[in-house]
């Protein structure tokens, strides 16, 4: 289901989080739970993954993660501000101390001049604060954008817990 690289990253995350006694959470929009699915594919993941939030709609982002309507209205769902709020909300609304979030336009429709298909924002929250990353994957197709997003999110999470 996942590439060898994604599986190796997930294995590294589970091993490192387990060794450090860390609890994790994911907050996903365009990936629809694929980041948490990659982690839960690894034996022992139940010791480190508290929960995965699939907050696809704006309402879900507000209700599940506490993203403010003001942030969504001012910046749109695909933005640095929302990615950061999702990552922070995942920690606030779980037992996790570290989280990663993903929000973007996977396509094939839904893009605009300002937010084209393939634009994805990521954030990782942990004891050192929140880091943000933006990727412009271009037209890899919906599955390609989602798989590339999982890889980036897992790399960010691995870096955050290292």
Protein backbone atom coordinates (compact mmCIF):
# COMPACT_ATOMS: atom_id res chain seq x y z
CA UNK A 1 0.00 0.00 0.00
CA UNK A 2 2.83 2.40 0.87
CA UNK A 3 6.24 2.82 -0.74
CA UNK A 4 9.32 1.40 0.96
CA UNK A 5 10.44 4.94 1.83
CA UNK A 6 7.14 5.73 3.56
CA UNK A 7 7.22 2.42 5.42
CA UNK A 8 10.78 3.05 6.59
CA UNK A 9 9.90 6.55 7.78
CA UNK A 10 6.89 5.20 9.69
CA UNK A 11 9.06 2.48 11.27
CA UNK A 12 11.60 5.10 12.31
CA UNK A 13 8.86 7.27 13.83
CA UNK A 14 7.35 4.40 15.81
CA UNK A 15 10.76 3.26 17.09
CA UNK A 16 11.93 6.77 18.03
CA UNK A 17 8.66 7.84 19.64
CA UNK A 18 8.51 4.58 21.57
CA UNK A 19 12.09 4.92 22.81
CA UNK A 20 11.42 8.50 23.92
CA UNK A 21 8.00 7.86 25.42
CA UNK A 22 6.31 10.31 23.05
CA UNK A 23 2.67 10.29 22.05
CA UNK A 24 1.74 11.48 18.53
CA UNK A 25 -1.29 12.83 16.70
CA UNK A 26 -2.01 13.68 13.08
CA UNK A 27 -4.36 16.33 11.66
CA UNK A 28 -5.08 15.67 8.02
CA UNK A 29 -7.18 17.23 5.32
CA UNK A 30 -6.13 16.41 1.75
CA UNK A 31 -4.42 13.16 2.80
CA UNK A 32 -7.62 11.86 4.38
CA UNK A 33 -5.89 9.81 7.08
CA UNK A 34 -3.04 8.37 5.02
CA UNK A 35 -0.37 9.70 7.40
CA UNK A 36 -1.92 7.95 10.39
CA UNK A 37 -2.55 4.87 8.21
CA UNK A 38 1.17 4.70 7.37
CA UNK A 39 2.03 4.88 11.08
CA UNK A 40 -0.59 2.33 12.13
CA UNK A 41 0.71 -0.11 9.52
CA UNK A 42 3.75 -0.54 11.79
CA UNK A 43 3.57 -3.04 14.67
CA UNK A 44 3.82 -1.23 18.01
CA UNK A 45 2.24 1.97 16.70
CA UNK A 46 -0.57 1.75 19.26
CA UNK A 47 1.96 2.69 21.94
CA UNK A 48 2.79 6.01 20.23
CA UNK A 49 -0.16 7.17 18.11
CA UNK A 50 -2.94 8.62 20.23
CA UNK A 51 -5.21 9.61 17.35
CA UNK A 52 -5.50 10.83 13.82
CA UNK A 53 -7.91 13.64 12.99
CA UNK A 54 -9.32 13.66 9.47
CA UNK A 55 -10.63 17.20 9.25
CA UNK A 56 -11.59 17.49 5.61
CA UNK A 57 -14.24 20.20 5.88
CA UNK A 58 -13.83 23.62 7.46
CA UNK A 59 -16.49 22.61 10.00
CA UNK A 60 -14.41 19.60 11.02
CA UNK A 61 -11.32 21.78 11.39
CA UNK A 62 -13.29 24.07 13.71
CA UNK A 63 -15.10 21.37 15.71
CA UNK A 64 -12.36 18.77 16.04
CA UNK A 65 -9.20 20.88 16.14
CA UNK A 66 -10.36 24.28 17.35
CA UNK A 67 -9.24 26.11 14.21
CA UNK A 68 -10.90 29.51 14.42
CA UNK A 69 -13.44 30.65 11.86
CA UNK A 70 -11.49 33.90 11.71
CA UNK A 71 -8.31 32.14 10.57
CA UNK A 72 -10.23 30.11 7.99
CA UNK A 73 -12.02 33.20 6.69
CA UNK A 74 -8.89 35.34 6.54
CA UNK A 75 -6.49 32.78 5.05
CA UNK A 76 -8.52 29.91 3.60
CA UNK A 77 -8.20 26.24 4.49
CA UNK A 78 -5.03 25.83 2.42
CA UNK A 79 -2.67 28.17 4.24
CA UNK A 80 0.18 28.36 6.69
CA UNK A 81 -2.11 29.75 9.38
CA UNK A 82 -4.53 26.83 9.11
CA UNK A 83 -1.76 24.21 8.98
CA UNK A 84 -0.24 25.66 12.16
CA UNK A 85 -3.64 25.87 13.89
CA UNK A 86 -4.38 22.25 12.91
CA UNK A 87 -1.05 21.03 14.34
CA UNK A 88 -1.56 22.97 17.55
CA UNK A 89 -5.17 21.80 17.78
CA UNK A 90 -4.14 18.16 17.38
CA UNK A 91 -1.95 18.47 20.48
CA UNK A 92 -4.57 20.43 22.42
CA UNK A 93 -7.35 17.95 21.62
CA UNK A 94 -5.39 14.75 22.31
CA UNK A 95 -2.89 13.18 24.66
CA UNK A 96 -0.12 13.83 22.13
CA UNK A 97 2.91 16.03 22.69
CA UNK A 98 3.92 16.02 19.02
CA UNK A 99 1.75 16.38 15.93
CA UNK A 100 1.85 16.90 12.22
CA UNK A 101 -0.79 18.51 9.99
CA UNK A 102 -1.47 18.53 6.25
CA UNK A 103 -3.82 20.77 4.25
CA UNK A 104 -3.71 21.28 0.51
CA UNK A 105 -5.25 20.98 -2.93
CA UNK A 106 -4.90 17.42 -4.24
CA UNK A 107 -6.97 18.02 -7.36
CA UNK A 108 -7.75 17.43 -10.04
CA UNK A 109 -10.12 20.38 -9.47
CA UNK A 110 -10.40 22.91 -6.70
CA UNK A 111 -7.28 24.89 -7.50
CA UNK A 112 -7.02 28.59 -8.21
CA UNK A 113 -4.35 31.03 -9.35
CA UNK A 114 -3.35 31.71 -5.73
CA UNK A 115 -3.79 28.11 -4.57
CA UNK A 116 -3.09 25.78 -7.48
CA UNK A 117 -3.51 22.02 -7.53
CA UNK A 118 -0.48 20.55 -5.81
CA UNK A 119 -0.08 23.32 -3.20
CA UNK A 120 0.18 21.71 0.25
CA UNK A 121 0.92 23.26 3.64
CA UNK A 122 2.38 21.23 6.51
CA UNK A 123 3.05 21.99 10.16
CA UNK A 124 4.61 20.01 12.97
CA UNK A 125 4.11 20.89 16.60
CA UNK A 126 6.29 19.78 19.48
CA UNK A 127 8.25 20.94 22.47
CA UNK A 128 10.33 23.30 20.30
CA UNK A 129 7.23 25.06 18.95
CA UNK A 130 5.70 24.77 15.50
CA UNK A 131 7.48 24.54 12.16
CA UNK A 132 5.80 25.16 8.82
CA UNK A 133 6.62 23.91 5.36
CA UNK A 134 4.97 24.51 2.02
CA UNK A 135 5.31 22.33 -1.07
CA UNK A 136 4.19 22.89 -4.63
CA UNK A 137 4.01 19.40 -6.04
CA UNK A 138 2.51 20.46 -9.35
CA UNK A 139 0.39 18.10 -11.38
CA UNK A 140 1.38 14.69 -10.04
CA UNK A 141 -2.25 13.63 -10.10
CA UNK A 142 -4.40 13.28 -7.00
CA UNK A 143 -2.77 10.05 -5.79
CA UNK A 144 0.72 11.37 -6.50
CA UNK A 145 0.11 14.56 -4.54
CA UNK A 146 -1.36 12.63 -1.61
CA UNK A 147 1.53 10.12 -1.52
CA UNK A 148 4.11 12.92 -1.77
CA UNK A 149 2.30 14.72 1.05
CA UNK A 150 2.44 11.63 3.28
CA UNK A 151 6.20 11.39 2.69
CA UNK A 152 6.77 15.06 3.60
CA UNK A 153 4.53 14.84 6.68
CA UNK A 154 6.33 11.74 7.94
CA UNK A 155 9.74 13.36 7.36
CA UNK A 156 8.62 16.41 9.33
CA UNK A 157 7.32 14.22 12.14
CA UNK A 158 10.53 12.17 12.18
CA UNK A 159 12.61 15.38 12.36
CA UNK A 160 10.40 16.75 15.15
CA UNK A 161 10.91 13.72 17.39
CA UNK A 162 14.60 13.16 16.56
